[in-house]
């Protein structure tokens, strides 16, 4: 529970400062959903996509739909 409180307060602090908050290291749907419920704006991590060269980066429809549904993007 303490970890969740820390994440929640970090997101709230970022928003209070007028920032968009990005979560790094998202590795599963449960974490992505929790971040969405806490109001996190963006996420990155292996669950969304493995690292790749910039020239290979194309946002797949699956990733775009998932991110929008979970994070409200």
PDB file of N, CA and C in Angstrom:
ATOM      1  N   UNK A   1       0.815  -1.194   0.000  1.00  0.00           N
ATOM      2  CA  UNK A   1       0.000   0.000   0.000  1.00  0.00           C
ATOM      3  C   UNK A   1       0.859   1.260   0.000  1.00  0.00           C
ATOM      4  N   UNK A   2       1.979   1.227   0.657  1.00  0.00           N
ATOM      5  CA  UNK A   2       2.863   2.397   0.710  1.00  0.00           C
ATOM      6  C   UNK A   2       3.383   2.741  -0.680  1.00  0.00           C
ATOM      7  N   UNK A   3       3.697   1.720  -1.501  1.00  0.00           N
ATOM      8  CA  UNK A   3       4.150   1.978  -2.867  1.00  0.00           C
ATOM      9  C   UNK A   3       3.081   2.720  -3.656  1.00  0.00           C
ATOM     10  N   UNK A   4       1.840   2.284  -3.521  1.00  0.00           N
ATOM     11  CA  UNK A   4       0.727   2.916  -4.223  1.00  0.00           C
ATOM     12  C   UNK A   4       0.557   4.366  -3.772  1.00  0.00           C
ATOM     13  N   UNK A   5       0.704   4.627  -2.484  1.00  0.00           N
ATOM     14  CA  UNK A   5       0.614   5.994  -1.963  1.00  0.00           C
ATOM     15  C   UNK A   5       1.721   6.873  -2.538  1.00  0.00           C
ATOM     16  N   UNK A   6       2.908   6.316  -2.676  1.00  0.00           N
ATOM     17  CA  UNK A   6       4.039   7.058  -3.234  1.00  0.00           C
ATOM     18  C   UNK A   6       3.787   7.409  -4.699  1.00  0.00           C
ATOM     19  N   UNK A   7       3.294   6.443  -5.462  1.00  0.00           N
ATOM     20  CA  UNK A   7       2.995   6.689  -6.874  1.00  0.00           C
ATOM     21  C   UNK A   7       1.888   7.725  -7.003  1.00  0.00           C
ATOM     22  N   UNK A   8       0.827   7.560  -6.229  1.00  0.00           N
ATOM     23  CA  UNK A   8      -0.294   8.513  -6.261  1.00  0.00           C
ATOM     24  C   UNK A   8       0.183   9.927  -5.947  1.00  0.00           C
ATOM     25  N   UNK A   9       0.960  10.086  -4.897  1.00  0.00           N
ATOM     26  CA  UNK A   9       1.409  11.427  -4.504  1.00  0.00           C
ATOM     27  C   UNK A   9       2.361  12.026  -5.532  1.00  0.00           C
ATOM     28  N   UNK A  10       3.156  11.196  -6.182  1.00  0.00           N
ATOM     29  CA  UNK A  10       4.057  11.683  -7.228  1.00  0.00           C
ATOM     30  C   UNK A  10       3.259  12.199  -8.430  1.00  0.00           C
ATOM     31  N   UNK A  11       2.235  11.463  -8.820  1.00  0.00           N
ATOM     32  CA  UNK A  11       1.364  11.898  -9.918  1.00  0.00           C
ATOM     33  C   UNK A  11       0.673  13.205  -9.541  1.00  0.00           C
ATOM     34  N   UNK A  12       0.144  13.288  -8.332  1.00  0.00           N
ATOM     35  CA  UNK A  12      -0.539  14.501  -7.882  1.00  0.00           C
ATOM     36  C   UNK A  12       0.412  15.693  -7.841  1.00  0.00           C
ATOM     37  N   UNK A  13       1.644  15.472  -7.394  1.00  0.00           N
ATOM     38  CA  UNK A  13       2.636  16.547  -7.348  1.00  0.00           C
ATOM     39  C   UNK A  13       2.937  17.051  -8.762  1.00  0.00           C
ATOM     40  N   UNK A  14       3.146  16.128  -9.672  1.00  0.00           N
ATOM     41  CA  UNK A  14       3.402  16.528 -11.053  1.00  0.00           C
ATOM     42  C   UNK A  14       2.272  17.359 -11.617  1.00  0.00           C
ATOM     43  N   UNK A  15       1.052  16.928 -11.393  1.00  0.00           N
ATOM     44  CA  UNK A  15      -0.109  17.676 -11.889  1.00  0.00           C
ATOM     45  C   UNK A  15      -0.219  19.039 -11.209  1.00  0.00           C
ATOM     46  N   UNK A  16       0.061  19.101  -9.910  1.00  0.00           N
ATOM     47  CA  UNK A  16       0.005  20.371  -9.180  1.00  0.00           C
ATOM     48  C   UNK A  16       1.025  21.371  -9.728  1.00  0.00           C
ATOM     49  N   UNK A  17       2.098  20.855 -10.289  1.00  0.00           N
ATOM     50  CA  UNK A  17       3.128  21.710 -10.891  1.00  0.00           C
ATOM     51  C   UNK A  17       2.852  21.998 -12.361  1.00  0.00           C
ATOM     52  N   UNK A  18       1.718  21.504 -12.853  1.00  0.00           N
ATOM     53  CA  UNK A  18       1.343  21.749 -14.245  1.00  0.00           C
ATOM     54  C   UNK A  18       2.047  20.856 -15.245  1.00  0.00           C
ATOM     55  N   UNK A  19       2.530  19.729 -14.788  1.00  0.00           N
ATOM     56  CA  UNK A  19       3.270  18.805 -15.651  1.00  0.00           C
ATOM     57  C   UNK A  19       2.411  17.625 -16.078  1.00  0.00           C
ATOM     58  N   UNK A  20       2.774  17.031 -17.202  1.00  0.00           N
ATOM     59  CA  UNK A  20       2.208  15.741 -17.592  1.00  0.00           C
ATOM     60  C   UNK A  20       3.121  14.674 -17.004  1.00  0.00           C
ATOM     61  N   UNK A  21       2.547  13.635 -16.452  1.00  0.00           N
ATOM     62  CA  UNK A  21       3.313  12.614 -15.742  1.00  0.00           C
ATOM     63  C   UNK A  21       3.457  11.373 -16.619  1.00  0.00           C
ATOM     64  N   UNK A  22       4.714  10.897 -16.747  1.00  0.00           N
ATOM     65  CA  UNK A  22       5.024   9.703 -17.535  1.00  0.00           C
ATOM     66  C   UNK A  22       5.533   8.614 -16.600  1.00  0.00           C
ATOM     67  N   UNK A  23       4.889   7.457 -16.638  1.00  0.00           N
ATOM     68  CA  UNK A  23       5.352   6.298 -15.861  1.00  0.00           C
ATOM     69  C   UNK A  23       6.289   5.478 -16.732  1.00  0.00           C
ATOM     70  N   UNK A  24       7.413   5.098 -16.195  1.00  0.00           N
ATOM     71  CA  UNK A  24       8.369   4.269 -16.915  1.00  0.00           C
ATOM     72  C   UNK A  24       8.390   2.869 -16.313  1.00  0.00           C
ATOM     73  N   UNK A  25       8.695   1.892 -17.148  1.00  0.00           N
ATOM     74  CA  UNK A  25       8.850   0.530 -16.660  1.00  0.00           C
ATOM     75  C   UNK A  25       7.560  -0.244 -16.527  1.00  0.00           C
ATOM     76  N   UNK A  26       6.528   0.122 -17.281  1.00  0.00           N
ATOM     77  CA  UNK A  26       5.245  -0.589 -17.214  1.00  0.00           C
ATOM     78  C   UNK A  26       5.395  -1.940 -17.912  1.00  0.00           C
ATOM     79  N   UNK A  27       5.171  -3.014 -17.166  1.00  0.00           N
ATOM     80  CA  UNK A  27       5.416  -4.358 -17.697  1.00  0.00           C
ATOM     81  C   UNK A  27       4.175  -5.240 -17.774  1.00  0.00           C
ATOM     82  N   UNK A  28       3.006  -4.747 -17.314  1.00  0.00           N
ATOM     83  CA  UNK A  28       1.803  -5.572 -17.408  1.00  0.00           C
ATOM     84  C   UNK A  28       0.557  -4.693 -17.407  1.00  0.00           C
ATOM     85  N   UNK A  29      -0.561  -5.293 -17.822  1.00  0.00           N
ATOM     86  CA  UNK A  29      -1.824  -4.570 -17.933  1.00  0.00           C
ATOM     87  C   UNK A  29      -2.299  -4.062 -16.578  1.00  0.00           C
ATOM     88  N   UNK A  30      -2.139  -4.848 -15.543  1.00  0.00           N
ATOM     89  CA  UNK A  30      -2.582  -4.432 -14.206  1.00  0.00           C
ATOM     90  C   UNK A  30      -1.918  -3.122 -13.789  1.00  0.00           C
ATOM     91  N   UNK A  31      -0.623  -3.008 -14.028  1.00  0.00           N
ATOM     92  CA  UNK A  31       0.100  -1.781 -13.686  1.00  0.00           C
ATOM     93  C   UNK A  31      -0.394  -0.616 -14.526  1.00  0.00           C
ATOM     94  N   UNK A  32      -0.590  -0.840 -15.818  1.00  0.00           N
ATOM     95  CA  UNK A  32      -1.083   0.209 -16.705  1.00  0.00           C
ATOM     96  C   UNK A  32      -2.464   0.684 -16.263  1.00  0.00           C
ATOM     97  N   UNK A  33      -3.328  -0.250 -15.915  1.00  0.00           N
ATOM     98  CA  UNK A  33      -4.676   0.110 -15.449  1.00  0.00           C
ATOM     99  C   UNK A  33      -4.624   0.903 -14.148  1.00  0.00           C
ATOM    100  N   UNK A  34      -3.770   0.479 -13.232  1.00  0.00           N
ATOM    101  CA  UNK A  34      -3.637   1.183 -11.959  1.00  0.00           C
ATOM    102  C   UNK A  34      -3.153   2.607 -12.186  1.00  0.00           C
ATOM    103  N   UNK A  35      -2.166   2.761 -13.047  1.00  0.00           N
ATOM    104  CA  UNK A  35      -1.663   4.098 -13.362  1.00  0.00           C
ATOM    105  C   UNK A  35      -2.756   4.970 -13.966  1.00  0.00           C
ATOM    106  N   UNK A  36      -3.578   4.395 -14.834  1.00  0.00           N
ATOM    107  CA  UNK A  36      -4.692   5.128 -15.418  1.00  0.00           C
ATOM    108  C   UNK A  36      -5.679   5.576 -14.351  1.00  0.00           C
ATOM    109  N   UNK A  37      -5.975   4.702 -13.398  1.00  0.00           N
ATOM    110  CA  UNK A  37      -6.896   5.036 -12.317  1.00  0.00           C
ATOM    111  C   UNK A  37      -6.335   6.140 -11.418  1.00  0.00           C
ATOM    112  N   UNK A  38      -5.016   6.184 -11.321  1.00  0.00           N
ATOM    113  CA  UNK A  38      -4.365   7.198 -10.494  1.00  0.00           C
ATOM    114  C   UNK A  38      -4.193   8.527 -11.230  1.00  0.00           C
ATOM    115  N   UNK A  39      -4.525   8.551 -12.519  1.00  0.00           N
ATOM    116  CA  UNK A  39      -4.449   9.789 -13.286  1.00  0.00           C
ATOM    117  C   UNK A  39      -3.151  10.012 -14.027  1.00  0.00           C
ATOM    118  N   UNK A  40      -2.332   8.988 -14.150  1.00  0.00           N
ATOM    119  CA  UNK A  40      -1.083   9.119 -14.895  1.00  0.00           C
ATOM    120  C   UNK A  40      -1.407   9.433 -16.356  1.00  0.00           C
ATOM    121  N   UNK A  41      -0.634  10.332 -16.956  1.00  0.00           N
ATOM    122  CA  UNK A  41      -0.916  10.805 -18.307  1.00  0.00           C
ATOM    123  C   UNK A  41      -0.359   9.917 -19.407  1.00  0.00           C
ATOM    124  N   UNK A  42       0.846   9.430 -19.227  1.00  0.00           N
ATOM    125  CA  UNK A  42       1.519   8.626 -20.246  1.00  0.00           C
ATOM    126  C   UNK A  42       2.277   7.488 -19.580  1.00  0.00           C
ATOM    127  N   UNK A  43       2.573   6.452 -20.364  1.00  0.00           N
ATOM    128  CA  UNK A  43       3.333   5.324 -19.828  1.00  0.00           C
ATOM    129  C   UNK A  43       4.229   4.756 -20.913  1.00  0.00           C
ATOM    130  N   UNK A  44       5.310   4.159 -20.475  1.00  0.00           N
ATOM    131  CA  UNK A  44       6.186   3.444 -21.386  1.00  0.00           C
ATOM    132  C   UNK A  44       6.734   2.233 -20.662  1.00  0.00           C
ATOM    133  N   UNK A  45       7.126   1.240 -21.416  1.00  0.00           N
ATOM    134  CA  UNK A  45       7.684   0.037 -20.818  1.00  0.00           C
ATOM    135  C   UNK A  45       7.493  -1.157 -21.728  1.00  0.00           C
ATOM    136  N   UNK A  46       8.023  -2.294 -21.333  1.00  0.00           N
ATOM    137  CA  UNK A  46       7.987  -3.501 -22.157  1.00  0.00           C
ATOM    138  C   UNK A  46       6.578  -3.952 -22.503  1.00  0.00           C
ATOM    139  N   UNK A  47       5.600  -3.672 -21.631  1.00  0.00           N
ATOM    140  CA  UNK A  47       4.237  -4.073 -21.940  1.00  0.00           C
ATOM    141  C   UNK A  47       3.722  -3.342 -23.177  1.00  0.00           C
ATOM    142  N   UNK A  48       4.134  -2.115 -23.340  1.00  0.00           N
ATOM    143  CA  UNK A  48       3.686  -1.305 -24.464  1.00  0.00           C
ATOM    144  C   UNK A  48       4.528  -1.581 -25.698  1.00  0.00           C
ATOM    145  N   UNK A  49       5.840  -1.609 -25.540  1.00  0.00           N
ATOM    146  CA  UNK A  49       6.721  -1.903 -26.675  1.00  0.00           C
ATOM    147  C   UNK A  49       8.142  -2.136 -26.179  1.00  0.00           C
ATOM    148  N   UNK A  50       8.830  -3.025 -26.821  1.00  0.00           N
ATOM    149  CA  UNK A  50      10.249  -3.243 -26.539  1.00  0.00           C
ATOM    150  C   UNK A  50      11.047  -2.085 -27.139  1.00  0.00           C
ATOM    151  N   UNK A  51      12.247  -1.821 -26.638  1.00  0.00           N
ATOM    152  CA  UNK A  51      13.082  -0.770 -27.220  1.00  0.00           C
ATOM    153  C   UNK A  51      13.337  -1.040 -28.707  1.00  0.00           C
ATOM    154  N   UNK A  52      13.417   0.046 -29.481  1.00  0.00           N
ATOM    155  CA  UNK A  52      13.670  -0.075 -30.917  1.00  0.00           C
ATOM    156  C   UNK A  52      14.300   1.216 -31.415  1.00  0.00           C
ATOM    157  N   UNK A  53      14.970   1.135 -32.557  1.00  0.00           N
ATOM    158  CA  UNK A  53      15.528   2.357 -33.141  1.00  0.00           C
ATOM    159  C   UNK A  53      14.407   3.331 -33.516  1.00  0.00           C
ATOM    160  N   UNK A  54      14.671   4.618 -33.417  1.00  0.00           N
ATOM    161  CA  UNK A  54      13.658   5.637 -33.704  1.00  0.00           C
ATOM    162  C   UNK A  54      13.068   5.481 -35.095  1.00  0.00           C
ATOM    163  N   UNK A  55      13.894   5.118 -36.067  1.00  0.00           N
ATOM    164  CA  UNK A  55      13.394   4.998 -37.441  1.00  0.00           C
ATOM    165  C   UNK A  55      12.409   3.834 -37.613  1.00  0.00           C
ATOM    166  N   UNK A  56      12.379   2.902 -36.654  1.00  0.00           N
ATOM    167  CA  UNK A  56      11.452   1.777 -36.707  1.00  0.00           C
ATOM    168  C   UNK A  56      10.163   2.044 -35.920  1.00  0.00           C
ATOM    169  N   UNK A  57      10.108   3.173 -35.244  1.00  0.00           N
ATOM    170  CA  UNK A  57       8.976   3.468 -34.372  1.00  0.00           C
ATOM    171  C   UNK A  57       7.731   3.830 -35.177  1.00  0.00           C
ATOM    172  N   UNK A  58       6.732   2.986 -35.035  1.00  0.00           N
ATOM    173  CA  UNK A  58       5.412   3.229 -35.607  1.00  0.00           C
ATOM    174  C   UNK A  58       4.420   2.814 -34.539  1.00  0.00           C
ATOM    175  N   UNK A  59       3.559   3.732 -34.141  1.00  0.00           N
ATOM    176  CA  UNK A  59       2.586   3.427 -33.109  1.00  0.00           C
ATOM    177  C   UNK A  59       1.537   2.494 -33.690  1.00  0.00           C
ATOM    178  N   UNK A  60       1.515   1.276 -33.201  1.00  0.00           N
ATOM    179  CA  UNK A  60       0.563   0.301 -33.720  1.00  0.00           C
ATOM    180  C   UNK A  60      -0.841   0.651 -33.253  1.00  0.00           C
ATOM    181  N   UNK A  61      -1.852   0.299 -34.021  1.00  0.00           N
ATOM    182  CA  UNK A  61      -3.235   0.569 -33.608  1.00  0.00           C
ATOM    183  C   UNK A  61      -3.559  -0.046 -32.243  1.00  0.00           C
ATOM    184  N   UNK A  62      -3.043  -1.237 -31.960  1.00  0.00           N
ATOM    185  CA  UNK A  62      -3.296  -1.900 -30.683  1.00  0.00           C
ATOM    186  C   UNK A  62      -2.779  -1.058 -29.522  1.00  0.00           C
ATOM    187  N   UNK A  63      -1.570  -0.557 -29.661  1.00  0.00           N
ATOM    188  CA  UNK A  63      -0.970   0.235 -28.593  1.00  0.00           C
ATOM    189  C   UNK A  63      -1.717   1.549 -28.428  1.00  0.00           C
ATOM    190  N   UNK A  64      -2.057   2.206 -29.519  1.00  0.00           N
ATOM    191  CA  UNK A  64      -2.765   3.479 -29.448  1.00  0.00           C
ATOM    192  C   UNK A  64      -4.127   3.314 -28.780  1.00  0.00           C
ATOM    193  N   UNK A  65      -4.858   2.291 -29.152  1.00  0.00           N
ATOM    194  CA  UNK A  65      -6.184   2.044 -28.582  1.00  0.00           C
ATOM    195  C   UNK A  65      -6.072   1.698 -27.109  1.00  0.00           C
ATOM    196  N   UNK A  66      -5.120   0.847 -26.758  1.00  0.00           N
ATOM    197  CA  UNK A  66      -4.932   0.444 -25.364  1.00  0.00           C
ATOM    198  C   UNK A  66      -4.567   1.660 -24.509  1.00  0.00           C
ATOM    199  N   UNK A  67      -3.631   2.455 -24.971  1.00  0.00           N
ATOM    200  CA  UNK A  67      -3.203   3.619 -24.194  1.00  0.00           C
ATOM    201  C   UNK A  67      -4.346   4.603 -24.008  1.00  0.00           C
ATOM    202  N   UNK A  68      -5.111   4.827 -25.056  1.00  0.00           N
ATOM    203  CA  UNK A  68      -6.235   5.761 -24.961  1.00  0.00           C
ATOM    204  C   UNK A  68      -7.310   5.232 -24.003  1.00  0.00           C
ATOM    205  N   UNK A  69      -7.588   3.941 -24.076  1.00  0.00           N
ATOM    206  CA  UNK A  69      -8.621   3.361 -23.221  1.00  0.00           C
ATOM    207  C   UNK A  69      -8.221   3.374 -21.761  1.00  0.00           C
ATOM    208  N   UNK A  70      -6.974   3.043 -21.483  1.00  0.00           N
ATOM    209  CA  UNK A  70      -6.538   2.907 -20.090  1.00  0.00           C
ATOM    210  C   UNK A  70      -6.156   4.252 -19.471  1.00  0.00           C
ATOM    211  N   UNK A  71      -5.427   5.069 -20.224  1.00  0.00           N
ATOM    212  CA  UNK A  71      -4.939   6.327 -19.666  1.00  0.00           C
ATOM    213  C   UNK A  71      -5.809   7.525 -20.041  1.00  0.00           C
ATOM    214  N   UNK A  72      -6.803   7.296 -20.866  1.00  0.00           N
ATOM    215  CA  UNK A  72      -7.691   8.403 -21.241  1.00  0.00           C
ATOM    216  C   UNK A  72      -7.071   9.346 -22.239  1.00  0.00           C
ATOM    217  N   UNK A  73      -6.021   8.861 -22.958  1.00  0.00           N
ATOM    218  CA  UNK A  73      -5.262   9.672 -23.911  1.00  0.00           C
ATOM    219  C   UNK A  73      -6.069  10.252 -24.978  1.00  0.00           C
TER     220      UNK A  73
END
